[in-house]
Amino acid sequence: MNKYQKEPFEELTDEQLDELLAQMNQEMPHDSKEKIKQTVFENINKETEKIKPLKPKKKKWAAILGAVAVLSLMVGYTQLDTIKAAYTKVFGTEADKILVEAEKLNYSVEDQGLRLTAKNTFKDGNTTYVLMELKDLTGDRLSEDTSIEDWSMLNGGNTRVINYDEKTKTATLLVSSVSWEEHKDTGFMLKRFVSHRKEMKNTVAIDWQKKLVTDVKWKKYDGEKGYGGGYDEDALKKVNKTLEELNSEYLPDNGLSIGLIPNEDVFVENMAYKDGLLHVLAKYPNTAEFSYLFLELQSKDSKNVISSVASYSVYSNETHNNETGRSDYEEFVFDIKESDLQNYDLTVEVGKNQTVVSGNWAIKLKEPKEIEKKSIKRYDT
């Protein structure tokens, strides 16, 4: 005599089974439903003559079991595809090798209604990579332009968003952190990110003759915080200067307070010539809301634009360094004759983040194994 073993769903009433099926249909993504139809139901149809008809109730729980099994498979493939797509975007054809050798992770932490999950990690030389997902569980605080502003791991490096899924409200992060010493255990900590950046642009007519300062007491910079900034290599060669030379002395705040963006605390505080180059000192709020400041010169007929030879942060005594760790001031250097200035206006572009989220997302990680190939080439830089 064969013993009959009840399936777990047989204990449910017809009404409960109907409700469960309806709920699964609502929660299952459309793409998954289509894949289920193609990969499962077609195979079932081929074997129809081998399958005996089921009673109505058994059909329902059988459908539920099938949907659960296939959905589990699809979720697994989706996660794998997501990780592979992320690696392909950054490492190109080497993504397959990385995916095979990298260590799978599933560590999560939640704060402020957001979940941070470490998914995958590997080490290449002195650089440790960690692929993570940041999911908003309660709102829409993430976006395509989300920027990781405050984080820490090993000796530092770069953490950035390489993909954002609007449907799932999930940002994929890639951490590349450098260390010159072995660590058995380490950790990643996220403290702040910003999103939904608004770009503000404006053109300001300057009375150069009246506003240029001639009796400037240039201040020496000791180089203690480095020589960070941006520059045009060809333009620097043309004026026979280096970024370090330009940044060795800086303009002090002279209180010009020429407004650049209406209703925003963005100003030109000093302007002067040095060695035939125009220096413009700009100031903007030292908060996480503001992400960048950019100045150019534009001819009054709008036919010509002159970009800066170089720009760099000015770490003076007036700098607050209160929220972001950066300077309040940015100095821009232009290669333009003073006699030509009257034909130009000053254009400004500022990035202001509408969303600033601070919290504490800390994940402890073991040092991953090193993959065989050294110095993996990145395709997205």
Protein backbone atom coordinates (compact mmCIF):
# COMPACT_ATOMS: atom_id res chain seq x y z
CA MET A 1 0.00 0.00 0.00
CA ASN A 2 1.39 3.38 -1.08
CA LYS A 3 1.38 6.11 1.49
CA TYR A 4 -0.08 9.42 0.36
CA GLN A 5 1.88 12.53 1.39
CA LYS A 6 0.02 15.83 1.39
CA GLU A 7 1.52 18.84 -0.39
CA PRO A 8 1.84 21.93 1.84
CA PHE A 9 -0.69 23.91 -0.18
CA GLU A 10 -3.38 21.23 0.06
CA GLU A 11 -4.29 22.47 3.51
CA LEU A 12 -5.42 25.81 2.03
CA THR A 13 -8.99 26.52 1.00
CA ASP A 14 -9.94 27.43 -2.58
CA GLU A 15 -10.36 31.05 -1.52
CA GLN A 16 -6.90 31.12 0.07
CA LEU A 17 -5.30 29.56 -3.00
CA ASP A 18 -7.00 32.08 -5.28
CA GLU A 19 -5.76 34.93 -3.10
CA LEU A 20 -2.20 33.57 -3.06
CA LEU A 21 -2.09 33.16 -6.84
CA ALA A 22 -3.45 36.67 -7.36
CA GLN A 23 -0.82 38.08 -5.04
CA MET A 24 2.01 36.27 -6.83
CA ASN A 25 0.82 37.53 -10.19
CA GLN A 26 0.91 41.06 -8.89
CA GLU A 27 4.36 40.79 -7.33
CA MET A 28 6.08 38.85 -10.09
CA PRO A 29 7.79 41.18 -12.61
CA HIS A 30 6.39 41.18 -16.15
CA ASP A 31 9.75 40.10 -17.62
CA SER A 32 9.83 37.10 -15.29
CA LYS A 33 6.31 36.10 -16.34
CA GLU A 34 7.31 36.18 -19.99
CA LYS A 35 10.42 34.10 -19.31
CA ILE A 36 8.33 31.62 -17.38
CA LYS A 37 6.00 31.22 -20.35
CA GLN A 38 8.93 30.64 -22.70
CA THR A 39 11.11 28.39 -20.53
CA VAL A 40 8.56 26.34 -18.60
CA PHE A 41 5.06 26.34 -19.99
CA GLU A 42 6.18 25.53 -23.54
CA ASN A 43 8.02 22.48 -22.24
CA ILE A 44 4.97 21.45 -20.27
CA ASN A 45 2.80 21.67 -23.39
CA LYS A 46 5.15 19.30 -25.23
CA GLU A 47 4.62 16.73 -22.51
CA THR A 48 0.84 17.21 -22.18
CA GLU A 49 -0.08 13.67 -23.15
CA LYS A 50 2.11 12.33 -20.34
CA ILE A 51 0.39 14.34 -17.64
CA LYS A 52 -2.83 13.17 -16.05
CA PRO A 53 -5.50 15.81 -15.35
CA LEU A 54 -5.40 17.25 -11.87
CA LYS A 55 -8.30 18.09 -9.66
CA PRO A 56 -9.09 21.84 -9.59
CA LYS A 57 -7.58 22.40 -6.16
CA LYS A 58 -4.40 20.50 -6.99
CA LYS A 59 -3.99 22.52 -10.17
CA LYS A 60 -3.90 25.67 -8.11
CA TRP A 61 -1.21 24.58 -5.71
CA ALA A 62 0.75 22.99 -8.57
CA ALA A 63 0.69 26.32 -10.38
CA ILE A 64 1.91 28.04 -7.23
CA LEU A 65 4.74 25.53 -6.76
CA GLY A 66 5.78 25.93 -10.39
CA ALA A 67 5.70 29.71 -10.21
CA VAL A 68 7.73 29.71 -6.99
CA ALA A 69 10.37 27.40 -8.47
CA VAL A 70 10.72 29.33 -11.71
CA LEU A 71 10.68 32.69 -9.97
CA SER A 72 13.51 31.49 -7.73
CA LEU A 73 15.49 30.49 -10.80
CA MET A 74 14.81 33.79 -12.54
CA VAL A 75 15.85 35.78 -9.48
CA GLY A 76 19.12 33.87 -9.41
CA TYR A 77 19.80 34.53 -13.09
CA THR A 78 18.78 38.17 -12.75
CA GLN A 79 21.29 38.71 -9.93
CA LEU A 80 24.04 37.04 -11.97
CA ASP A 81 23.19 39.08 -15.05
CA THR A 82 23.17 42.30 -13.02
CA ILE A 83 26.63 41.65 -11.59
CA LYS A 84 28.01 40.61 -14.98
CA ALA A 85 26.56 43.70 -16.66
CA ALA A 86 28.17 45.89 -14.00
CA TYR A 87 31.58 44.29 -14.46
CA THR A 88 31.27 44.40 -18.27
CA LYS A 89 30.57 48.12 -18.13
CA VAL A 90 33.77 48.73 -16.20
CA PHE A 91 36.14 45.95 -17.27
CA GLY A 92 34.89 45.03 -20.76
CA THR A 93 35.84 41.57 -22.02
CA GLU A 94 37.54 40.67 -18.74
CA ALA A 95 34.18 40.59 -16.95
CA ASP A 96 33.72 36.83 -17.47
CA LYS A 97 37.07 36.02 -15.87
CA ILE A 98 36.37 38.33 -12.94
CA LEU A 99 32.92 36.86 -12.43
CA VAL A 100 34.37 33.34 -12.19
CA GLU A 101 37.17 34.23 -9.78
CA ALA A 102 35.48 36.89 -7.64
CA GLU A 103 34.00 35.94 -4.28
CA LYS A 104 30.23 36.05 -3.85
CA LEU A 105 28.92 38.05 -0.91
CA ASN A 106 25.56 38.69 0.67
CA TYR A 107 26.17 41.07 3.57
CA SER A 108 23.53 43.73 4.20
CA VAL A 109 22.96 46.65 6.53
CA GLU A 110 20.02 49.06 6.76
CA ASP A 111 19.77 52.66 7.91
CA GLN A 112 17.55 55.63 7.06
CA GLY A 113 15.24 53.33 5.09
CA LEU A 114 18.02 52.25 2.70
CA ARG A 115 19.66 48.84 2.42
CA LEU A 116 23.30 48.46 1.43
CA THR A 117 24.31 44.96 0.26
CA ALA A 118 27.80 43.73 -0.63
CA LYS A 119 27.39 41.33 -3.59
CA ASN A 120 30.81 40.52 -5.01
CA THR A 121 34.50 41.23 -4.36
CA PHE A 122 37.98 40.53 -5.70
CA LYS A 123 41.50 41.88 -5.39
CA ASP A 124 43.85 42.96 -8.16
CA GLY A 125 47.32 43.88 -6.90
CA ASN A 126 46.90 46.48 -4.15
CA THR A 127 43.34 47.37 -5.20
CA THR A 128 40.30 45.73 -3.65
CA TYR A 129 37.03 45.93 -5.58
CA VAL A 130 33.62 45.47 -3.99
CA LEU A 131 30.37 45.47 -5.96
CA MET A 132 27.45 46.70 -3.87
CA GLU A 133 23.78 47.53 -4.21
CA LEU A 134 22.09 50.44 -2.45
CA LYS A 135 18.30 50.12 -2.41
CA ASP A 136 15.81 52.75 -1.27
CA LEU A 137 13.10 50.92 0.67
CA THR A 138 10.90 53.92 1.40
CA GLY A 139 11.32 56.67 -1.20
CA ASP A 140 13.05 57.99 -4.32
CA ARG A 141 16.28 59.33 -2.90
CA LEU A 142 18.49 57.56 -5.45
CA SER A 143 18.91 58.49 -9.11
CA GLU A 144 21.16 58.19 -12.16
CA ASP A 145 23.30 61.04 -10.85
CA THR A 146 23.70 59.74 -7.29
CA SER A 147 27.19 60.50 -6.02
CA ILE A 148 28.85 58.86 -3.02
CA GLU A 149 30.21 61.82 -1.07
CA ASP A 150 31.48 60.40 2.23
CA TRP A 151 32.76 56.84 2.60
CA SER A 152 35.80 54.98 3.93
CA MET A 153 37.64 51.73 3.25
CA LEU A 154 41.31 50.80 3.58
CA ASN A 155 43.45 53.75 2.40
CA GLY A 156 40.80 55.33 0.20
CA GLY A 157 40.09 55.26 -3.49
CA ASN A 158 36.86 55.67 -5.41
CA THR A 159 33.22 54.66 -4.92
CA ARG A 160 30.73 55.49 -7.63
CA VAL A 161 27.37 54.56 -9.05
CA ILE A 162 27.71 52.58 -12.28
CA ASN A 163 24.03 51.76 -12.75
CA TYR A 164 20.62 52.76 -11.42
CA ASP A 165 17.42 50.72 -11.79
CA GLU A 166 14.46 53.05 -11.46
CA LYS A 167 11.94 50.21 -11.14
CA THR A 168 13.64 48.61 -8.16
CA LYS A 169 15.07 51.90 -6.82
CA THR A 170 18.48 50.25 -6.66
CA ALA A 171 21.88 51.78 -7.39
CA THR A 172 24.85 49.54 -8.21
CA LEU A 173 28.06 50.79 -6.63
CA LEU A 174 31.62 49.81 -7.43
CA VAL A 175 34.21 50.42 -4.72
CA SER A 176 37.88 50.42 -5.69
CA SER A 177 40.00 50.87 -2.59
CA VAL A 178 43.77 50.84 -2.33
CA SER A 179 46.00 49.42 0.40
CA TRP A 180 49.69 48.65 0.58
CA GLU A 181 49.41 46.23 3.49
CA GLU A 182 47.62 42.95 4.11
CA HIS A 183 44.32 43.01 5.99
CA LYS A 184 42.59 39.91 7.33
CA ASP A 185 39.45 41.88 7.95
CA THR A 186 38.40 45.24 6.66
CA GLY A 187 35.19 47.14 6.27
CA PHE A 188 33.30 49.59 4.11
CA MET A 189 31.43 52.51 5.62
CA LEU A 190 29.04 54.79 3.75
CA LYS A 191 28.20 58.04 5.51
CA ARG A 192 26.62 60.30 2.90
CA PHE A 193 25.37 60.36 -0.68
CA VAL A 194 23.74 63.05 -2.80
CA SER A 195 21.27 62.83 -5.70
CA HIS A 196 19.03 64.77 -8.08
CA ARG A 197 21.56 67.37 -9.09
CA LYS A 198 20.25 70.63 -10.51
CA GLU A 199 22.51 72.52 -12.90
CA MET A 200 22.32 76.29 -12.65
CA LYS A 201 23.83 78.48 -15.39
CA ASN A 202 24.14 82.22 -15.71
CA THR A 203 26.03 84.91 -17.58
CA VAL A 204 27.24 88.00 -15.73
CA ALA A 205 28.44 91.25 -17.30
CA ILE A 206 31.53 92.45 -15.44
CA ASP A 207 32.88 95.99 -15.35
CA TRP A 208 36.43 94.72 -15.61
CA GLN A 209 38.02 98.14 -15.49
CA LYS A 210 36.43 98.94 -12.13
CA LYS A 211 36.48 95.49 -10.54
CA LEU A 212 40.02 94.30 -11.34
CA VAL A 213 42.24 94.60 -8.29
CA THR A 214 45.72 95.99 -8.90
CA ASP A 215 47.28 96.12 -5.43
CA VAL A 216 46.98 92.45 -4.56
CA LYS A 217 48.94 90.97 -1.69
CA TRP A 218 49.28 87.43 -2.99
CA LYS A 219 49.40 84.76 -0.31
CA LYS A 220 51.80 81.83 -0.22
CA TYR A 221 50.34 78.34 -0.19
CA ASP A 222 52.33 75.77 1.77
CA GLY A 223 51.08 72.79 -0.24
CA GLU A 224 50.04 70.98 2.93
CA LYS A 225 46.76 69.75 1.41
CA GLY A 226 48.24 68.92 -1.98
CA TYR A 227 47.68 70.54 -5.33
CA GLY A 228 44.28 69.32 -6.37
CA GLY A 229 42.52 70.83 -9.35
CA GLY A 230 41.96 70.59 -13.06
CA TYR A 231 43.92 71.93 -15.99
CA ASP A 232 44.34 71.95 -19.76
CA GLU A 233 47.70 70.37 -20.43
CA ASP A 234 48.26 72.08 -23.79
CA ALA A 235 47.17 75.46 -22.40
CA LEU A 236 49.59 75.12 -19.47
CA LYS A 237 52.44 74.37 -21.87
CA LYS A 238 51.51 77.42 -23.90
CA VAL A 239 51.80 79.74 -20.87
CA ASN A 240 54.83 77.81 -19.59
CA LYS A 241 53.31 77.07 -16.18
CA THR A 242 52.55 74.05 -14.01
CA LEU A 243 49.55 73.61 -11.72
CA GLU A 244 51.89 73.66 -8.71
CA GLU A 245 53.42 76.96 -9.81
CA LEU A 246 50.02 78.57 -10.32
CA ASN A 247 48.75 77.29 -6.99
CA SER A 248 51.87 78.29 -5.04
CA GLU A 249 50.35 81.75 -4.52
CA TYR A 250 46.66 82.52 -4.32
CA LEU A 251 44.24 85.42 -4.29
CA PRO A 252 42.88 86.39 -0.87
CA ASP A 253 39.20 87.17 -0.39
CA ASN A 254 38.89 90.87 -1.21
CA GLY A 255 35.15 91.13 -0.56
CA LEU A 256 34.05 92.01 -4.10
CA SER A 257 30.90 89.89 -3.66
CA ILE A 258 29.83 89.94 -7.32
CA GLY A 259 26.74 87.69 -7.45
CA LEU A 260 26.93 84.90 -10.01
CA ILE A 261 23.68 82.94 -9.46
CA PRO A 262 20.46 84.73 -8.45
CA ASN A 263 19.27 83.79 -4.94
CA GLU A 264 22.34 81.62 -4.29
CA ASP A 265 25.45 82.37 -2.24
CA VAL A 266 27.82 82.13 -5.20
CA PHE A 267 30.15 85.09 -5.67
CA VAL A 268 33.34 86.40 -7.23
CA GLU A 269 35.43 87.69 -4.32
CA ASN A 270 38.58 88.84 -6.13
CA MET A 271 40.03 89.30 -9.62
CA ALA A 272 43.56 90.25 -10.62
CA TYR A 273 46.34 89.72 -13.16
CA LYS A 274 49.58 87.92 -12.43
CA ASP A 275 52.27 87.12 -15.00
CA GLY A 276 49.90 88.07 -17.81
CA LEU A 277 47.16 85.67 -16.65
CA LEU A 278 43.72 86.57 -15.25
CA HIS A 279 42.95 85.02 -11.85
CA VAL A 280 39.33 84.90 -10.63
CA LEU A 281 38.53 83.83 -7.05
CA ALA A 282 35.01 82.42 -6.61
CA LYS A 283 33.25 81.37 -3.42
CA TYR A 284 30.29 79.02 -2.96
CA PRO A 285 28.69 77.29 0.06
CA ASN A 286 30.80 74.62 1.68
CA THR A 287 27.92 72.15 1.99
CA ALA A 288 27.09 68.77 0.50
CA GLU A 289 24.30 70.40 -1.50
CA PHE A 290 26.82 72.04 -3.84
CA SER A 291 28.89 69.66 -5.93
CA TYR A 292 30.85 71.86 -8.34
CA LEU A 293 31.51 75.39 -9.64
CA PHE A 294 32.72 76.13 -13.15
CA LEU A 295 33.65 79.47 -14.78
CA GLU A 296 34.32 80.46 -18.40
CA LEU A 297 34.67 83.67 -20.39
CA GLN A 298 32.20 84.22 -23.22
CA SER A 299 32.40 86.94 -25.87
CA LYS A 300 29.52 89.39 -25.83
CA ASP A 301 28.53 88.26 -29.33
CA SER A 302 28.52 84.65 -28.04
CA LYS A 303 30.86 83.53 -30.80
CA ASN A 304 33.83 82.67 -28.64
CA VAL A 305 34.31 80.90 -25.30
CA ILE A 306 37.56 80.85 -23.35
CA SER A 307 37.96 78.05 -20.83
CA SER A 308 40.32 78.29 -17.90
CA VAL A 309 43.92 77.21 -18.22
CA ALA A 310 43.57 75.71 -14.75
CA SER A 311 41.37 75.80 -11.67
CA TYR A 312 42.13 74.72 -8.11
CA SER A 313 40.84 74.86 -4.57
CA VAL A 314 42.26 77.63 -2.40
CA TYR A 315 42.89 76.55 1.19
CA SER A 316 43.17 79.90 2.91
CA ASN A 317 42.52 81.06 6.46
CA GLU A 318 39.01 82.03 5.39
CA THR A 319 38.18 78.42 4.48
CA HIS A 320 35.68 76.80 6.81
CA ASN A 321 36.12 73.11 5.91
CA ASN A 322 33.00 72.53 7.95
CA GLU A 323 30.90 69.92 6.11
CA THR A 324 32.58 68.64 2.98
CA GLY A 325 36.30 68.79 3.75
CA ARG A 326 36.83 70.92 0.66
CA SER A 327 37.65 74.60 0.43
CA ASP A 328 35.09 77.40 0.22
CA TYR A 329 37.08 78.95 -2.62
CA GLU A 330 37.94 77.99 -6.19
CA GLU A 331 40.46 79.97 -8.24
CA PHE A 332 40.25 80.04 -12.05
CA VAL A 333 43.12 81.13 -14.30
CA PHE A 334 42.51 82.42 -17.84
CA ASP A 335 44.91 83.20 -20.66
CA ILE A 336 43.47 86.45 -22.00
CA LYS A 337 44.94 89.90 -22.54
CA GLU A 338 43.60 92.59 -20.23
CA SER A 339 42.83 94.77 -23.25
CA ASP A 340 40.44 92.07 -24.58
CA LEU A 341 38.46 91.64 -21.37
CA GLN A 342 35.94 94.37 -22.18
CA ASN A 343 34.59 92.13 -24.97
CA TYR A 344 33.82 89.24 -22.60
CA ASP A 345 31.29 88.31 -19.94
CA LEU A 346 31.71 85.73 -17.18
CA THR A 347 29.63 82.56 -17.44
CA VAL A 348 29.05 80.30 -14.48
CA GLU A 349 27.70 76.78 -13.99
CA VAL A 350 26.97 75.36 -10.54
CA GLY A 351 25.76 71.90 -9.55
CA LYS A 352 23.36 71.81 -6.60
CA ASN A 353 22.05 68.51 -5.19
CA GLN A 354 18.38 68.45 -4.24
CA THR A 355 18.81 65.32 -2.11
CA VAL A 356 21.42 64.90 0.62
CA VAL A 357 21.22 61.75 2.78
CA SER A 358 23.48 61.04 5.75
CA GLY A 359 23.56 57.80 7.72
CA ASN A 360 25.73 54.93 8.87
CA TRP A 361 26.01 51.91 6.60
CA ALA A 362 28.94 49.79 7.81
CA ILE A 363 29.77 46.34 6.42
CA LYS A 364 32.62 44.17 7.70
CA LEU A 365 34.49 42.30 4.95
CA LYS A 366 37.25 39.74 4.77
CA GLU A 367 40.14 40.45 2.45
CA PRO A 368 39.30 38.69 -0.85
CA LYS A 369 41.63 36.43 -2.76
CA GLU A 370 43.70 37.99 -5.51
CA ILE A 371 42.79 37.08 -9.06
CA GLU A 372 45.57 35.80 -11.26
CA LYS A 373 45.73 38.64 -13.75
CA LYS A 374 47.28 41.86 -12.48
CA SER A 375 46.38 45.44 -13.39
CA ILE A 376 42.97 44.83 -14.90
CA LYS A 377 42.15 47.32 -17.60
CA ARG A 378 39.17 49.57 -16.99
CA TYR A 379 37.05 50.53 -19.98
CA ASP A 380 34.98 53.30 -18.44
CA THR A 381 37.69 55.84 -17.60
